[in-house]
Amino acid sequence: MSDAFSKDVAQVIQDEGGLSINKADKGGITKYGISLKFLQEIGLDINKDGIINAEDILSLTPENAQQLYKIYFWDNLKIFTIDNQEIANKVFNLSVNMGGRQAIMLLQEAINFHVSPHIVVDGIIGKNTLAAIDKINPNVLLGDYGLVAKLYYERLVAQNPNYKIFLDGWLKRAAE
């Protein structure tokens, strides 16, 4: 695994924490940020008992989580194509938390504060998104990305007050 990914995945696992069972979490039982819902969506039976359930989450190791993050986030979303490592790290971290497509769409919204014509907000890291990232001061883009992520999280809580329990952690993540 690349050094950039290895450093970033350690931060994501730290941010996500260990085992979590929270009724407000739509993903269900979660460990290292990997939810039961995610395992069911990708069809991965960690403990190979023929059923994807809470036991798979309990069997999950940090190494399993790293592999899943590498395949389904870092590589699949093409985060590795972003030249600026700080921006790549932020996209990766937010992708794990809110889903890849949403995190990339928020990045594209932040990019559109600075480029004309605007790029398409489609949740895909393509050549236009990459070219636009390279035209913007990284610190400015990171600040704007954090702002749109903060607003997104606040909208989620406004729509579903049960999520308020997560807001402080989400806002910290948006600001990092």
N, C-alpha and C. Protein backbone atom coordinates (compact mmCIF):
# COMPACT_ATOMS: atom_id res chain seq x y z
N MET A 1 0.84 -1.18 0.00
CA MET A 1 0.00 0.00 0.00
C MET A 1 0.88 1.24 0.00
N SER A 2 0.42 2.28 -0.66
CA SER A 2 1.21 3.49 -0.75
C SER A 2 1.35 4.14 0.62
N ASP A 3 2.44 4.89 0.79
CA ASP A 3 2.66 5.60 2.05
C ASP A 3 1.53 6.58 2.32
N ALA A 4 1.08 7.28 1.26
CA ALA A 4 0.00 8.26 1.43
C ALA A 4 -1.25 7.59 1.96
N PHE A 5 -1.63 6.47 1.37
CA PHE A 5 -2.82 5.76 1.82
C PHE A 5 -2.63 5.24 3.24
N SER A 6 -1.48 4.65 3.53
CA SER A 6 -1.24 4.05 4.85
C SER A 6 -1.37 5.08 5.96
N LYS A 7 -0.83 6.28 5.75
CA LYS A 7 -0.93 7.34 6.75
C LYS A 7 -2.38 7.80 6.90
N ASP A 8 -3.05 7.95 5.78
CA ASP A 8 -4.41 8.46 5.82
C ASP A 8 -5.38 7.45 6.41
N VAL A 9 -5.23 6.19 6.09
CA VAL A 9 -6.16 5.19 6.61
C VAL A 9 -6.01 5.06 8.13
N ALA A 10 -4.81 5.26 8.64
CA ALA A 10 -4.63 5.23 10.10
C ALA A 10 -5.45 6.35 10.75
N GLN A 11 -5.47 7.52 10.14
CA GLN A 11 -6.26 8.64 10.66
C GLN A 11 -7.75 8.33 10.58
N VAL A 12 -8.19 7.75 9.48
CA VAL A 12 -9.61 7.42 9.32
C VAL A 12 -10.04 6.41 10.38
N ILE A 13 -9.24 5.39 10.59
CA ILE A 13 -9.59 4.37 11.58
C ILE A 13 -9.64 4.99 12.97
N GLN A 14 -8.72 5.91 13.24
CA GLN A 14 -8.74 6.62 14.53
C GLN A 14 -10.01 7.45 14.65
N ASP A 15 -10.36 8.19 13.60
CA ASP A 15 -11.57 9.02 13.62
C ASP A 15 -12.82 8.18 13.79
N GLU A 16 -12.85 7.03 13.14
CA GLU A 16 -14.03 6.16 13.18
C GLU A 16 -14.15 5.43 14.52
N GLY A 17 -13.03 5.09 15.12
CA GLY A 17 -13.06 4.41 16.40
C GLY A 17 -13.34 2.93 16.28
N GLY A 18 -13.55 2.29 17.40
CA GLY A 18 -13.77 0.86 17.45
C GLY A 18 -15.23 0.49 17.24
N LEU A 19 -15.70 -0.43 18.03
CA LEU A 19 -17.05 -0.94 17.89
C LEU A 19 -18.08 0.11 18.30
N SER A 20 -19.12 0.24 17.48
CA SER A 20 -20.19 1.20 17.75
C SER A 20 -21.53 0.55 17.46
N ILE A 21 -22.40 0.61 18.44
CA ILE A 21 -23.77 0.14 18.26
C ILE A 21 -24.67 1.30 18.69
N ASN A 22 -25.23 1.99 17.70
CA ASN A 22 -26.05 3.16 17.97
C ASN A 22 -27.32 3.08 17.14
N LYS A 23 -28.46 3.11 17.78
CA LYS A 23 -29.74 2.98 17.08
C LYS A 23 -29.95 4.06 16.03
N ALA A 24 -29.33 5.21 16.20
CA ALA A 24 -29.49 6.31 15.24
C ALA A 24 -28.66 6.10 13.98
N ASP A 25 -27.72 5.16 14.00
CA ASP A 25 -26.84 4.91 12.86
C ASP A 25 -27.53 3.96 11.88
N LYS A 26 -27.87 4.46 10.71
CA LYS A 26 -28.56 3.66 9.69
C LYS A 26 -27.70 2.49 9.20
N GLY A 27 -26.39 2.59 9.39
CA GLY A 27 -25.49 1.53 8.94
C GLY A 27 -25.50 0.31 9.85
N GLY A 28 -26.10 0.46 11.02
CA GLY A 28 -26.13 -0.64 11.97
C GLY A 28 -24.82 -0.75 12.73
N ILE A 29 -24.58 -1.90 13.31
CA ILE A 29 -23.36 -2.13 14.06
C ILE A 29 -22.16 -1.81 13.16
N THR A 30 -21.17 -1.12 13.75
CA THR A 30 -20.03 -0.61 12.99
C THR A 30 -18.75 -0.83 13.78
N LYS A 31 -17.68 -1.13 13.06
CA LYS A 31 -16.36 -1.27 13.69
C LYS A 31 -15.32 -0.70 12.74
N TYR A 32 -14.47 0.17 13.26
CA TYR A 32 -13.45 0.85 12.46
C TYR A 32 -14.07 1.62 11.29
N GLY A 33 -15.34 2.00 11.44
CA GLY A 33 -16.03 2.72 10.38
C GLY A 33 -16.67 1.84 9.32
N ILE A 34 -16.50 0.54 9.42
CA ILE A 34 -17.12 -0.39 8.48
C ILE A 34 -18.44 -0.85 9.10
N SER A 35 -19.53 -0.57 8.39
CA SER A 35 -20.85 -0.90 8.93
C SER A 35 -21.36 -2.23 8.38
N LEU A 36 -22.30 -2.80 9.11
CA LEU A 36 -22.96 -4.01 8.65
C LEU A 36 -23.66 -3.75 7.31
N LYS A 37 -24.29 -2.61 7.18
CA LYS A 37 -24.97 -2.27 5.92
C LYS A 37 -23.98 -2.28 4.76
N PHE A 38 -22.78 -1.73 4.96
CA PHE A 38 -21.76 -1.72 3.92
C PHE A 38 -21.36 -3.14 3.53
N LEU A 39 -21.09 -3.98 4.52
CA LEU A 39 -20.71 -5.37 4.21
C LEU A 39 -21.82 -6.07 3.43
N GLN A 40 -23.07 -5.83 3.81
CA GLN A 40 -24.20 -6.44 3.10
C GLN A 40 -24.29 -5.92 1.67
N GLU A 41 -24.05 -4.62 1.48
CA GLU A 41 -24.11 -4.05 0.13
C GLU A 41 -23.06 -4.64 -0.80
N ILE A 42 -21.86 -4.88 -0.26
CA ILE A 42 -20.80 -5.43 -1.12
C ILE A 42 -20.78 -6.96 -1.09
N GLY A 43 -21.62 -7.57 -0.26
CA GLY A 43 -21.72 -9.02 -0.21
C GLY A 43 -20.51 -9.71 0.41
N LEU A 44 -19.93 -9.12 1.44
CA LEU A 44 -18.72 -9.68 2.03
C LEU A 44 -19.00 -10.33 3.38
N ASP A 45 -18.80 -11.62 3.42
CA ASP A 45 -18.97 -12.44 4.62
C ASP A 45 -17.59 -12.62 5.26
N ILE A 46 -17.25 -11.76 6.19
CA ILE A 46 -15.91 -11.74 6.80
C ILE A 46 -15.57 -13.09 7.45
N ASN A 47 -16.49 -13.62 8.24
CA ASN A 47 -16.18 -14.86 8.96
C ASN A 47 -16.55 -16.13 8.20
N LYS A 48 -17.01 -15.95 6.95
CA LYS A 48 -17.26 -17.07 6.03
C LYS A 48 -18.24 -18.12 6.58
N ASP A 49 -19.26 -17.65 7.30
CA ASP A 49 -20.27 -18.59 7.81
C ASP A 49 -21.52 -18.64 6.95
N GLY A 50 -21.51 -17.94 5.83
CA GLY A 50 -22.64 -17.96 4.91
C GLY A 50 -23.70 -16.92 5.20
N ILE A 51 -23.52 -16.14 6.26
CA ILE A 51 -24.49 -15.10 6.63
C ILE A 51 -23.71 -13.82 6.91
N ILE A 52 -24.18 -12.71 6.35
CA ILE A 52 -23.55 -11.42 6.63
C ILE A 52 -24.38 -10.77 7.73
N ASN A 53 -23.81 -10.77 8.95
CA ASN A 53 -24.52 -10.25 10.10
C ASN A 53 -23.55 -9.59 11.07
N ALA A 54 -24.04 -9.28 12.27
CA ALA A 54 -23.22 -8.59 13.27
C ALA A 54 -21.94 -9.36 13.60
N GLU A 55 -21.97 -10.67 13.49
CA GLU A 55 -20.78 -11.48 13.77
C GLU A 55 -19.63 -11.11 12.82
N ASP A 56 -19.97 -10.73 11.60
CA ASP A 56 -18.93 -10.31 10.65
C ASP A 56 -18.26 -9.02 11.11
N ILE A 57 -19.05 -8.10 11.62
CA ILE A 57 -18.48 -6.85 12.14
C ILE A 57 -17.60 -7.15 13.34
N LEU A 58 -18.06 -8.01 14.23
CA LEU A 58 -17.27 -8.36 15.41
C LEU A 58 -15.96 -9.06 15.03
N SER A 59 -15.95 -9.76 13.89
CA SER A 59 -14.76 -10.46 13.41
C SER A 59 -13.78 -9.54 12.68
N LEU A 60 -14.23 -8.37 12.34
CA LEU A 60 -13.43 -7.43 11.55
C LEU A 60 -12.16 -7.02 12.29
N THR A 61 -11.04 -7.03 11.59
CA THR A 61 -9.76 -6.58 12.15
C THR A 61 -9.38 -5.24 11.52
N PRO A 62 -8.46 -4.50 12.14
CA PRO A 62 -8.00 -3.26 11.49
C PRO A 62 -7.44 -3.51 10.09
N GLU A 63 -6.80 -4.67 9.89
CA GLU A 63 -6.25 -5.00 8.58
C GLU A 63 -7.37 -5.21 7.55
N ASN A 64 -8.47 -5.87 7.98
CA ASN A 64 -9.63 -6.02 7.08
C ASN A 64 -10.16 -4.65 6.69
N ALA A 65 -10.30 -3.77 7.68
CA ALA A 65 -10.83 -2.43 7.42
C ALA A 65 -9.92 -1.69 6.44
N GLN A 66 -8.61 -1.77 6.64
CA GLN A 66 -7.67 -1.10 5.71
C GLN A 66 -7.84 -1.62 4.29
N GLN A 67 -7.97 -2.92 4.14
CA GLN A 67 -8.15 -3.49 2.80
C GLN A 67 -9.44 -3.01 2.15
N LEU A 68 -10.51 -2.98 2.93
CA LEU A 68 -11.79 -2.51 2.40
C LEU A 68 -11.71 -1.04 2.01
N TYR A 69 -11.09 -0.23 2.84
CA TYR A 69 -10.93 1.19 2.52
C TYR A 69 -10.10 1.39 1.26
N LYS A 70 -9.07 0.60 1.11
CA LYS A 70 -8.20 0.72 -0.07
C LYS A 70 -8.97 0.38 -1.34
N ILE A 71 -9.67 -0.73 -1.32
CA ILE A 71 -10.38 -1.19 -2.51
C ILE A 71 -11.59 -0.33 -2.83
N TYR A 72 -12.47 -0.14 -1.83
CA TYR A 72 -13.78 0.46 -2.10
C TYR A 72 -13.80 1.98 -2.02
N PHE A 73 -12.78 2.59 -1.46
CA PHE A 73 -12.75 4.04 -1.36
C PHE A 73 -11.56 4.62 -2.11
N TRP A 74 -10.35 4.39 -1.61
CA TRP A 74 -9.15 4.99 -2.20
C TRP A 74 -9.02 4.67 -3.68
N ASP A 75 -9.12 3.40 -4.05
CA ASP A 75 -8.95 2.98 -5.44
C ASP A 75 -10.23 3.18 -6.25
N ASN A 76 -11.35 2.66 -5.77
CA ASN A 76 -12.59 2.69 -6.52
C ASN A 76 -13.04 4.12 -6.83
N LEU A 77 -12.86 5.02 -5.89
CA LEU A 77 -13.27 6.42 -6.10
C LEU A 77 -12.20 7.24 -6.81
N LYS A 78 -11.03 6.63 -7.03
CA LYS A 78 -9.90 7.27 -7.70
C LYS A 78 -9.34 8.46 -6.91
N ILE A 79 -9.41 8.36 -5.60
CA ILE A 79 -8.88 9.42 -4.74
C ILE A 79 -7.38 9.55 -4.95
N PHE A 80 -6.73 8.45 -5.27
CA PHE A 80 -5.28 8.45 -5.49
C PHE A 80 -4.86 9.35 -6.66
N THR A 81 -5.80 9.75 -7.51
CA THR A 81 -5.46 10.60 -8.65
C THR A 81 -5.35 12.08 -8.28
N ILE A 82 -5.76 12.43 -7.08
CA ILE A 82 -5.66 13.82 -6.62
C ILE A 82 -4.21 14.08 -6.22
N ASP A 83 -3.56 15.04 -6.87
CA ASP A 83 -2.15 15.32 -6.61
C ASP A 83 -1.89 15.87 -5.21
N ASN A 84 -2.73 16.77 -4.75
CA ASN A 84 -2.51 17.37 -3.44
C ASN A 84 -2.94 16.38 -2.36
N GLN A 85 -1.98 15.96 -1.54
CA GLN A 85 -2.25 14.92 -0.55
C GLN A 85 -3.24 15.37 0.51
N GLU A 86 -3.20 16.62 0.93
CA GLU A 86 -4.15 17.08 1.95
C GLU A 86 -5.59 17.02 1.43
N ILE A 87 -5.77 17.39 0.18
CA ILE A 87 -7.11 17.32 -0.40
C ILE A 87 -7.54 15.87 -0.55
N ALA A 88 -6.64 15.02 -1.02
CA ALA A 88 -6.95 13.59 -1.15
C ALA A 88 -7.35 13.01 0.21
N ASN A 89 -6.60 13.36 1.24
CA ASN A 89 -6.89 12.86 2.59
C ASN A 89 -8.29 13.27 3.04
N LYS A 90 -8.63 14.54 2.79
CA LYS A 90 -9.94 15.05 3.22
C LYS A 90 -11.07 14.35 2.45
N VAL A 91 -10.88 14.17 1.15
CA VAL A 91 -11.90 13.47 0.35
C VAL A 91 -12.07 12.05 0.88
N PHE A 92 -10.98 11.38 1.15
CA PHE A 92 -11.04 10.01 1.65
C PHE A 92 -11.76 9.96 3.00
N ASN A 93 -11.36 10.81 3.92
CA ASN A 93 -11.95 10.81 5.26
C ASN A 93 -13.44 11.08 5.20
N LEU A 94 -13.84 12.08 4.43
CA LEU A 94 -15.27 12.38 4.32
C LEU A 94 -16.03 11.29 3.57
N SER A 95 -15.37 10.65 2.60
CA SER A 95 -16.01 9.56 1.86
C SER A 95 -16.39 8.41 2.78
N VAL A 96 -15.50 8.08 3.68
CA VAL A 96 -15.77 7.01 4.62
C VAL A 96 -16.96 7.37 5.50
N ASN A 97 -17.06 8.63 5.86
CA ASN A 97 -18.11 9.07 6.77
C ASN A 97 -19.47 9.26 6.10
N MET A 98 -19.49 9.85 4.93
CA MET A 98 -20.77 10.20 4.30
C MET A 98 -21.05 9.48 3.00
N GLY A 99 -20.11 8.68 2.55
CA GLY A 99 -20.24 8.01 1.26
C GLY A 99 -19.43 8.75 0.21
N GLY A 100 -18.84 7.98 -0.68
CA GLY A 100 -17.92 8.55 -1.66
C GLY A 100 -18.56 9.55 -2.60
N ARG A 101 -19.68 9.20 -3.15
CA ARG A 101 -20.33 10.10 -4.12
C ARG A 101 -20.66 11.44 -3.48
N GLN A 102 -21.21 11.40 -2.26
CA GLN A 102 -21.57 12.63 -1.57
C GLN A 102 -20.34 13.48 -1.27
N ALA A 103 -19.28 12.86 -0.78
CA ALA A 103 -18.06 13.59 -0.45
C ALA A 103 -17.46 14.26 -1.69
N ILE A 104 -17.49 13.56 -2.80
CA ILE A 104 -16.94 14.13 -4.04
C ILE A 104 -17.85 15.24 -4.57
N MET A 105 -19.15 15.07 -4.44
CA MET A 105 -20.07 16.14 -4.86
C MET A 105 -19.84 17.41 -4.05
N LEU A 106 -19.59 17.27 -2.76
CA LEU A 106 -19.32 18.44 -1.93
C LEU A 106 -17.99 19.09 -2.34
N LEU A 107 -16.99 18.27 -2.66
CA LEU A 107 -15.73 18.82 -3.17
C LEU A 107 -15.99 19.61 -4.44
N GLN A 108 -16.78 19.07 -5.33
CA GLN A 108 -17.08 19.75 -6.60
C GLN A 108 -17.85 21.05 -6.36
N GLU A 109 -18.74 21.06 -5.36
CA GLU A 109 -19.43 22.30 -5.01
C GLU A 109 -18.42 23.35 -4.54
N ALA A 110 -17.47 22.93 -3.71
CA ALA A 110 -16.44 23.86 -3.23
C ALA A 110 -15.57 24.35 -4.39
N ILE A 111 -15.24 23.48 -5.30
CA ILE A 111 -14.46 23.87 -6.48
C ILE A 111 -15.21 24.94 -7.27
N ASN A 112 -16.52 24.78 -7.39
CA ASN A 112 -17.31 25.71 -8.20
C ASN A 112 -17.39 27.12 -7.62
N PHE A 113 -16.95 27.30 -6.37
CA PHE A 113 -16.81 28.66 -5.83
C PHE A 113 -15.72 29.42 -6.57
N HIS A 114 -14.83 28.71 -7.25
CA HIS A 114 -13.60 29.30 -7.77
C HIS A 114 -13.38 29.17 -9.27
N VAL A 115 -14.16 28.36 -9.95
CA VAL A 115 -13.91 28.16 -11.38
C VAL A 115 -15.12 28.54 -12.22
N SER A 116 -14.81 29.02 -13.38
CA SER A 116 -15.86 29.33 -14.35
C SER A 116 -15.33 28.94 -15.72
N PRO A 117 -16.05 28.19 -16.49
CA PRO A 117 -17.37 27.64 -16.17
C PRO A 117 -17.27 26.60 -15.06
N HIS A 118 -18.39 26.41 -14.40
CA HIS A 118 -18.45 25.42 -13.32
C HIS A 118 -18.27 24.01 -13.86
N ILE A 119 -17.69 23.16 -13.01
CA ILE A 119 -17.60 21.75 -13.36
C ILE A 119 -18.92 21.08 -12.99
N VAL A 120 -19.18 19.94 -13.58
CA VAL A 120 -20.40 19.19 -13.28
C VAL A 120 -20.26 18.55 -11.90
N VAL A 121 -21.29 18.72 -11.09
CA VAL A 121 -21.31 18.11 -9.76
C VAL A 121 -21.96 16.73 -9.92
N ASP A 122 -21.10 15.73 -10.16
CA ASP A 122 -21.59 14.39 -10.45
C ASP A 122 -21.06 13.32 -9.50
N GLY A 123 -20.21 13.70 -8.55
CA GLY A 123 -19.67 12.73 -7.60
C GLY A 123 -18.61 11.81 -8.17
N ILE A 124 -18.00 12.23 -9.29
CA ILE A 124 -16.96 11.43 -9.94
C ILE A 124 -15.68 12.27 -10.05
N ILE A 125 -14.58 11.69 -9.64
CA ILE A 125 -13.28 12.37 -9.79
C ILE A 125 -12.79 12.07 -11.20
N GLY A 126 -13.03 13.02 -12.09
CA GLY A 126 -12.60 12.89 -13.47
C GLY A 126 -11.61 13.98 -13.83
N LYS A 127 -11.29 14.05 -15.11
CA LYS A 127 -10.25 14.99 -15.55
C LYS A 127 -10.63 16.45 -15.28
N ASN A 128 -11.90 16.81 -15.40
CA ASN A 128 -12.29 18.20 -15.15
C ASN A 128 -12.18 18.56 -13.67
N THR A 129 -12.56 17.63 -12.82
CA THR A 129 -12.43 17.85 -11.37
C THR A 129 -10.95 17.98 -11.00
N LEU A 130 -10.13 17.08 -11.53
CA LEU A 130 -8.69 17.12 -11.22
C LEU A 130 -8.04 18.40 -11.72
N ALA A 131 -8.39 18.82 -12.92
CA ALA A 131 -7.82 20.06 -13.48
C ALA A 131 -8.24 21.26 -12.65
N ALA A 132 -9.49 21.28 -12.21
CA ALA A 132 -9.98 22.40 -11.41
C ALA A 132 -9.29 22.44 -10.04
N ILE A 133 -9.09 21.28 -9.43
CA ILE A 133 -8.40 21.23 -8.14
C ILE A 133 -7.03 21.89 -8.27
N ASP A 134 -6.33 21.59 -9.35
CA ASP A 134 -4.97 22.10 -9.54
C ASP A 134 -4.92 23.61 -9.75
N LYS A 135 -6.05 24.23 -10.10
CA LYS A 135 -6.09 25.68 -10.35
C LYS A 135 -6.36 26.49 -9.08
N ILE A 136 -6.73 25.82 -7.99
CA ILE A 136 -7.16 26.52 -6.79
C ILE A 136 -6.12 26.35 -5.69
N ASN A 137 -5.89 27.43 -4.94
CA ASN A 137 -5.00 27.35 -3.79
C ASN A 137 -5.53 26.25 -2.86
N PRO A 138 -4.70 25.25 -2.55
CA PRO A 138 -5.18 24.12 -1.75
C PRO A 138 -5.76 24.51 -0.40
N ASN A 139 -5.16 25.49 0.26
CA ASN A 139 -5.67 25.90 1.56
C ASN A 139 -7.05 26.53 1.44
N VAL A 140 -7.25 27.29 0.40
CA VAL A 140 -8.56 27.91 0.16
C VAL A 140 -9.59 26.83 -0.15
N LEU A 141 -9.22 25.89 -1.01
CA LEU A 141 -10.14 24.81 -1.36
C LEU A 141 -10.49 23.96 -0.14
N LEU A 142 -9.51 23.65 0.68
CA LEU A 142 -9.77 22.87 1.89
C LEU A 142 -10.73 23.60 2.83
N GLY A 143 -10.54 24.91 2.96
CA GLY A 143 -11.44 25.70 3.80
C GLY A 143 -12.86 25.68 3.28
N ASP A 144 -13.01 25.86 1.97
CA ASP A 144 -14.35 25.86 1.37
C ASP A 144 -14.98 24.46 1.42
N TYR A 145 -14.16 23.45 1.24
CA TYR A 145 -14.65 22.06 1.33
C TYR A 145 -15.16 21.78 2.73
N GLY A 146 -14.41 22.22 3.74
CA GLY A 146 -14.85 22.06 5.12
C GLY A 146 -16.17 22.77 5.38
N LEU A 147 -16.32 23.95 4.78
CA LEU A 147 -17.56 24.72 4.96
C LEU A 147 -18.76 23.99 4.35
N VAL A 148 -18.63 23.51 3.11
CA VAL A 148 -19.78 22.83 2.49
C VAL A 148 -20.07 21.51 3.22
N ALA A 149 -19.04 20.85 3.76
CA ALA A 149 -19.28 19.63 4.54
C ALA A 149 -20.03 19.97 5.82
N LYS A 150 -19.63 21.04 6.49
CA LYS A 150 -20.31 21.49 7.71
C LYS A 150 -21.78 21.77 7.42
N LEU A 151 -22.07 22.48 6.36
CA LEU A 151 -23.45 22.79 5.99
C LEU A 151 -24.25 21.52 5.68
N TYR A 152 -23.60 20.58 5.01
CA TYR A 152 -24.24 19.29 4.70
C TYR A 152 -24.64 18.57 5.99
N TYR A 153 -23.69 18.48 6.93
CA TYR A 153 -23.98 17.80 8.19
C TYR A 153 -25.10 18.50 8.96
N GLU A 154 -25.08 19.82 8.97
CA GLU A 154 -26.13 20.56 9.67
C GLU A 154 -27.50 20.33 9.03
N ARG A 155 -27.53 20.22 7.70
CA ARG A 155 -28.79 19.91 7.01
C ARG A 155 -29.29 18.51 7.39
N LEU A 156 -28.36 17.56 7.49
CA LEU A 156 -28.76 16.20 7.89
C LEU A 156 -29.44 16.21 9.25
N VAL A 157 -28.86 16.94 10.20
CA VAL A 157 -29.42 16.98 11.55
C VAL A 157 -30.75 17.72 11.55
N ALA A 158 -30.86 18.77 10.74
CA ALA A 158 -32.14 19.49 10.65
C ALA A 158 -33.24 18.58 10.09
N GLN A 159 -32.87 17.71 9.16
CA GLN A 159 -33.84 16.79 8.56
C GLN A 159 -34.16 15.61 9.48
N ASN A 160 -33.18 15.21 10.29
CA ASN A 160 -33.37 14.08 11.19
C ASN A 160 -32.70 14.40 12.53
N PRO A 161 -33.46 14.95 13.48
CA PRO A 161 -32.88 15.33 14.78
C PRO A 161 -32.21 14.18 15.53
N ASN A 162 -32.54 12.93 15.20
CA ASN A 162 -31.87 11.79 15.84
C ASN A 162 -30.37 11.78 15.56
N TYR A 163 -29.96 12.45 14.50
CA TYR A 163 -28.54 12.50 14.14
C TYR A 163 -27.75 13.49 14.98
N LYS A 164 -28.43 14.27 15.81
CA LYS A 164 -27.74 15.29 16.61
C LYS A 164 -26.60 14.67 17.43
N ILE A 165 -26.78 13.44 17.84
CA ILE A 165 -25.75 12.75 18.62
C ILE A 165 -24.41 12.67 17.87
N PHE A 166 -24.46 12.70 16.54
CA PHE A 166 -23.25 12.59 15.72
C PHE A 166 -22.66 13.94 15.32
N LEU A 167 -23.42 15.02 15.51
CA LEU A 167 -23.05 16.31 14.92
C LEU A 167 -21.68 16.82 15.36
N ASP A 168 -21.36 16.77 16.63
CA ASP A 168 -20.05 17.29 17.08
C ASP A 168 -18.91 16.58 16.37
N GLY A 169 -18.98 15.27 16.28
CA GLY A 169 -17.93 14.51 15.58
C GLY A 169 -17.88 14.85 14.12
N TRP A 170 -19.05 14.99 13.50
CA TRP A 170 -19.10 15.34 12.08
C TRP A 170 -18.50 16.71 11.83
N LEU A 171 -18.85 17.68 12.69
CA LEU A 171 -18.32 19.03 12.51
C LEU A 171 -16.81 19.07 12.72
N LYS A 172 -16.32 18.28 13.65
CA LYS A 172 -14.87 18.19 13.86
C LYS A 172 -14.21 17.65 12.59
N ARG A 173 -14.82 16.65 12.03
CA ARG A 173 -14.28 16.03 10.81
C ARG A 173 -14.28 17.04 9.66
N ALA A 174 -15.35 17.80 9.52
CA ALA A 174 -15.44 18.80 8.46
C ALA A 174 -14.37 19.86 8.62
N ALA A 175 -14.04 20.20 9.85
CA ALA A 175 -13.08 21.27 10.11
C ALA A 175 -11.62 20.81 10.01
N GLU A 176 -11.38 19.52 10.12
CA GLU A 176 -9.98 19.01 10.11
C GLU A 176 -9.32 19.22 8.77
